[in-house]
Amino acid sequence: MAYFVFPAPAPTTLPVTNSTAVFPVGRVYCIGRNYRWSQDEATPQEMPTWFMKPANAVVQAQGVLPYPPGTGDFCHEIELVVAIGRGGQNIAPAQVETHHIWGYAAGLDLTRRDLQLQAKRAGGPWEAAKAFDHSAPCTPLVSATVCGHPKQGAVWLTVNGVERQRADLADLLWPVPELVAMLSRSVTLAPGDLIYTGTPVGVGPLQGGDVVQGGVADIGQFSMTVGNASYGSSTPFTGDSA
């Protein structure tokens, strides 16, 4: 009879708003940008860049946000999060909302920007920059049966009370149905998958002691305090990234 060589870790879960139920997190897909960062930016014609984070990078967006090791440029990216309740491959955009989305949340795609820029220059993978511990804070999920499928509403983030990011869900370059459908042509989506749908202009560095607050429409809001940096200090990010 087979047995685990050590106790299996507990699954990663997220609370559900106004419910005792929890949502089991599967895979975490993150979409690069997906908002215009300049007025003259062309409308995209191809699937945007996407990458993954491990399920246990997802944590509740509350309390202390640990400053990760190995970086001096720890950056925030506020995003709408889509929770998949029914999987599929080659999903038609018209079927996404009615058959596949379980709900929504507000989340942060946190980035070790200096490591990302190093990876870009070397043509290497982004895992070191994106897939670290606590890199995907998320608010409690709201069922689509409660909130519907939001097409507009503010996406915003402040640091120490100063606004850094603001956009509207209507500004998404690839709206959620098209985004989920495109992703399903590349991978077979499964129940429990989360999709971080991209961030507006204004990404920037966080330092120890910063209070970072944000939210998405009526879906969710959060407030977190950044822990002390392991070493180094943040420097402003001014380049092009995701």
Foldseek 3Di string as FASTA:
>chain_A
DDDDPDDDDDFDWFAAPPDPDIAGADWEKEFAAQFDQDPPDDQDDDQGDMDTAGRQLEDAQAEEQEADPDAQAKKKFKFKKWAWAAWFALDQLVCCQVPTTFFIWIKIQIFRVVQQVVCVVVVHDRCVTGHDHNRIHIHHTYGCVPVPQDQWFWWWKDKQPHTQFIDISVRRSQHDSRNVSNVRNVPIDHHNYMYGRHGYPRMWGDAAQIWMWTTTGPGDIHIYGYHHHPDHHHDTDDDDID
